[in-house]
């Protein structure tokens, strides 16, 4: 467990074909069900201080207490995802810590020298930031970055729903749509 953030709650993989990746994870690895959003509604997205309009598809499922995220980039706006792909990396692009005390945890991380590179919001109380690539540090996979993700609102309820759906999943309905965050 991290002294700064607690448990790692999510590992995210950038994939070139999210539908094929969900099929593999569900039918070969037995991980699911997948909650799929073909266009994540990201607000206030910034990369290195500039605003952009990303189009990313995301699928989420739990394997025990760890959430797995599959992410496919659908446009070419500047992002740490694009940086990862252009650098020739594949596999895990980031791991995430979840917080209900976003401002305090972000301030603590910044006091420890972490620098925000990318961020935005998904729903109410669903802010997220990615810190600058720390792959120059020994032991960290090249290109893999740390995300701090706020789960105090509907996004946290969605993550709970995904975790609970995975607990006794019998393999049926391996891909499900994201529920509307406004109704959670």
Protein backbone atom coordinates (compact mmCIF):
# COMPACT_ATOMS: atom_id res chain seq x y z
CA UNK A 1 0.00 0.00 0.00
CA UNK A 2 1.24 3.46 -0.84
CA UNK A 3 2.22 5.72 2.05
CA UNK A 4 0.82 8.66 0.08
CA UNK A 5 -2.35 7.35 -1.56
CA UNK A 6 -3.40 4.02 -0.05
CA UNK A 7 -4.27 1.04 -2.25
CA UNK A 8 -3.76 0.87 -5.99
CA UNK A 9 -7.35 0.52 -7.14
CA UNK A 10 -7.03 0.38 -10.93
CA UNK A 11 -4.62 -0.69 -13.66
CA UNK A 12 -5.29 0.65 -17.16
CA UNK A 13 -4.24 -0.82 -20.48
CA UNK A 14 -4.21 1.11 -23.73
CA UNK A 15 -5.57 -1.15 -26.45
CA UNK A 16 -5.85 -0.74 -30.24
CA UNK A 17 -9.23 -2.57 -30.41
CA UNK A 18 -11.34 -2.28 -27.26
CA UNK A 19 -14.03 -4.69 -28.46
CA UNK A 20 -11.44 -7.42 -29.09
CA UNK A 21 -9.79 -6.67 -25.75
CA UNK A 22 -13.09 -6.99 -23.85
CA UNK A 23 -13.77 -10.28 -25.64
CA UNK A 24 -10.31 -11.62 -24.68
CA UNK A 25 -10.53 -10.55 -21.05
CA UNK A 26 -14.08 -11.91 -20.68
CA UNK A 27 -13.85 -15.17 -22.64
CA UNK A 28 -10.20 -16.17 -22.20
CA UNK A 29 -9.31 -14.68 -18.81
CA UNK A 30 -12.82 -14.82 -17.31
CA UNK A 31 -12.77 -11.19 -16.14
CA UNK A 32 -16.02 -9.28 -16.36
CA UNK A 33 -18.61 -8.09 -16.87
CA UNK A 34 -17.30 -5.08 -18.75
CA UNK A 35 -19.05 -1.75 -18.46
CA UNK A 36 -18.39 0.00 -21.76
CA UNK A 37 -18.63 3.64 -22.73
CA UNK A 38 -17.75 4.33 -26.39
CA UNK A 39 -17.23 8.05 -25.68
CA UNK A 40 -16.34 9.09 -22.16
CA UNK A 41 -17.87 12.51 -21.35
CA UNK A 42 -14.74 14.28 -20.12
CA UNK A 43 -15.12 17.92 -19.10
CA UNK A 44 -12.42 20.50 -18.46
CA UNK A 45 -9.74 18.27 -19.97
CA UNK A 46 -6.24 19.71 -20.02
CA UNK A 47 -2.87 18.42 -21.13
CA UNK A 48 0.17 20.45 -20.10
CA UNK A 49 -2.11 23.39 -19.29
CA UNK A 50 -3.91 23.47 -22.66
CA UNK A 51 -7.57 22.48 -23.19
CA UNK A 52 -8.56 19.80 -25.69
CA UNK A 53 -11.56 17.62 -26.56
CA UNK A 54 -10.51 13.98 -26.25
CA UNK A 55 -12.54 11.08 -27.60
CA UNK A 56 -11.72 7.95 -25.63
CA UNK A 57 -13.59 4.67 -25.31
CA UNK A 58 -13.37 2.97 -21.92
CA UNK A 59 -14.35 -0.41 -20.54
CA UNK A 60 -14.15 -1.23 -16.83
CA UNK A 61 -14.35 -4.53 -14.94
CA UNK A 62 -13.07 -5.83 -11.65
CA UNK A 63 -10.76 -8.76 -10.97
CA UNK A 64 -11.25 -9.08 -7.23
CA UNK A 65 -10.65 -5.71 -5.60
CA UNK A 66 -8.63 -4.39 -8.55
CA UNK A 67 -10.40 -2.57 -11.35
CA UNK A 68 -9.08 -3.16 -14.86
CA UNK A 69 -9.55 -0.38 -17.39
CA UNK A 70 -9.29 -0.89 -21.12
CA UNK A 71 -8.90 2.36 -23.02
CA UNK A 72 -8.90 3.06 -26.73
CA UNK A 73 -7.96 6.52 -27.99
CA UNK A 74 -10.29 7.56 -30.83
CA UNK A 75 -8.76 10.91 -31.82
CA UNK A 76 -5.31 12.47 -31.93
CA UNK A 77 -5.52 15.22 -29.32
CA UNK A 78 -2.44 15.65 -27.13
CA UNK A 79 -2.55 13.33 -24.12
CA UNK A 80 -0.39 11.06 -22.05
CA UNK A 81 -2.14 8.19 -23.82
CA UNK A 82 -0.93 9.47 -27.18
CA UNK A 83 2.56 9.98 -25.73
CA UNK A 84 2.57 6.35 -24.56
CA UNK A 85 1.51 5.00 -27.95
CA UNK A 86 3.93 7.22 -29.91
CA UNK A 87 6.80 6.08 -27.67
CA UNK A 88 6.10 2.53 -28.81
CA UNK A 89 4.88 1.33 -25.41
CA UNK A 90 2.16 -1.21 -24.90
CA UNK A 91 0.48 -2.71 -21.87
CA UNK A 92 -0.22 -0.90 -18.63
CA UNK A 93 -0.27 2.86 -19.21
CA UNK A 94 -1.30 3.95 -15.72
CA UNK A 95 -2.33 2.81 -12.30
CA UNK A 96 -4.80 4.75 -10.22
CA UNK A 97 -5.40 5.62 -6.63
CA UNK A 98 -8.93 6.60 -5.65
CA UNK A 99 -9.79 9.31 -3.18
CA UNK A 100 -12.75 11.00 -1.58
CA UNK A 101 -10.38 13.78 -0.41
CA UNK A 102 -9.12 14.90 -3.80
CA UNK A 103 -7.88 18.38 -2.92
CA UNK A 104 -5.96 17.22 0.16
CA UNK A 105 -4.43 14.22 -1.61
CA UNK A 106 -3.47 16.30 -4.63
CA UNK A 107 -1.81 18.92 -2.40
CA UNK A 108 0.08 16.19 -0.53
CA UNK A 109 1.27 14.63 -3.81
CA UNK A 110 2.42 17.98 -5.13
CA UNK A 111 4.28 18.63 -1.87
CA UNK A 112 6.10 15.31 -2.50
CA UNK A 113 7.19 16.56 -5.94
CA UNK A 114 4.50 15.06 -8.17
CA UNK A 115 3.64 17.36 -11.09
CA UNK A 116 0.27 17.28 -12.85
CA UNK A 117 0.46 16.73 -16.60
CA UNK A 118 -3.12 15.88 -17.56
CA UNK A 119 -6.52 16.11 -15.92
CA UNK A 120 -10.23 16.59 -16.23
CA UNK A 121 -13.60 15.61 -14.81
CA UNK A 122 -16.09 12.82 -15.37
CA UNK A 123 -19.38 13.65 -13.70
CA UNK A 124 -19.84 15.47 -10.42
CA UNK A 125 -16.98 14.92 -7.94
CA UNK A 126 -15.16 12.91 -10.57
CA UNK A 127 -11.96 14.89 -11.05
CA UNK A 128 -8.78 13.12 -12.09
CA UNK A 129 -5.16 14.03 -12.67
CA UNK A 130 -2.23 12.17 -14.13
CA UNK A 131 1.20 13.03 -12.86
CA UNK A 132 4.25 13.54 -15.09
CA UNK A 133 5.86 10.36 -16.35
CA UNK A 134 8.13 9.02 -13.60
CA UNK A 135 9.66 6.22 -15.71
CA UNK A 136 13.13 7.63 -15.14
CA UNK A 137 12.84 6.19 -11.64
CA UNK A 138 14.26 2.65 -11.37
CA UNK A 139 11.60 -0.02 -11.09
CA UNK A 140 8.80 1.77 -12.94
CA UNK A 141 7.72 0.50 -16.34
CA UNK A 142 8.57 3.02 -19.10
CA UNK A 143 5.60 5.22 -19.86
CA UNK A 144 3.49 4.06 -16.93
CA UNK A 145 2.09 6.97 -14.94
CA UNK A 146 0.15 7.53 -11.73
CA UNK A 147 -3.45 8.76 -11.72
CA UNK A 148 -5.28 10.26 -8.75
CA UNK A 149 -9.03 9.82 -9.24
CA UNK A 150 -11.81 11.37 -7.21
CA UNK A 151 -14.61 8.94 -6.31
CA UNK A 152 -16.72 11.03 -3.92
CA UNK A 153 -19.73 11.28 -6.26
CA UNK A 154 -21.47 9.29 -9.00
CA UNK A 155 -18.18 7.92 -10.37
CA UNK A 156 -17.58 6.26 -7.00
CA UNK A 157 -21.07 4.74 -7.13
CA UNK A 158 -20.35 3.46 -10.64
CA UNK A 159 -17.11 1.87 -9.47
CA UNK A 160 -18.99 0.16 -6.61
CA UNK A 161 -21.60 -1.16 -9.06
CA UNK A 162 -18.83 -2.56 -11.30
CA UNK A 163 -17.08 -4.25 -8.37
CA UNK A 164 -20.33 -5.80 -7.14
CA UNK A 165 -21.28 -7.02 -10.64
CA UNK A 166 -17.96 -8.88 -10.88
CA UNK A 167 -18.28 -10.68 -7.54
CA UNK A 168 -20.60 -13.46 -8.73
CA UNK A 169 -20.39 -12.95 -12.47
CA UNK A 170 -21.37 -16.13 -14.32
CA UNK A 171 -20.12 -15.13 -17.77
CA UNK A 172 -23.45 -13.87 -19.09
CA UNK A 173 -23.78 -10.41 -20.60
CA UNK A 174 -20.01 -9.84 -20.77
CA UNK A 175 -20.36 -6.28 -22.13
CA UNK A 176 -22.82 -3.83 -20.60
CA UNK A 177 -23.35 -0.12 -21.19
CA UNK A 178 -22.26 2.44 -18.63
CA UNK A 179 -25.24 3.66 -16.64
CA UNK A 180 -25.95 7.38 -16.78
CA UNK A 181 -23.77 8.95 -14.06
CA UNK A 182 -26.52 11.49 -13.41
CA UNK A 183 -28.85 8.72 -12.19
CA UNK A 184 -26.42 7.09 -9.76
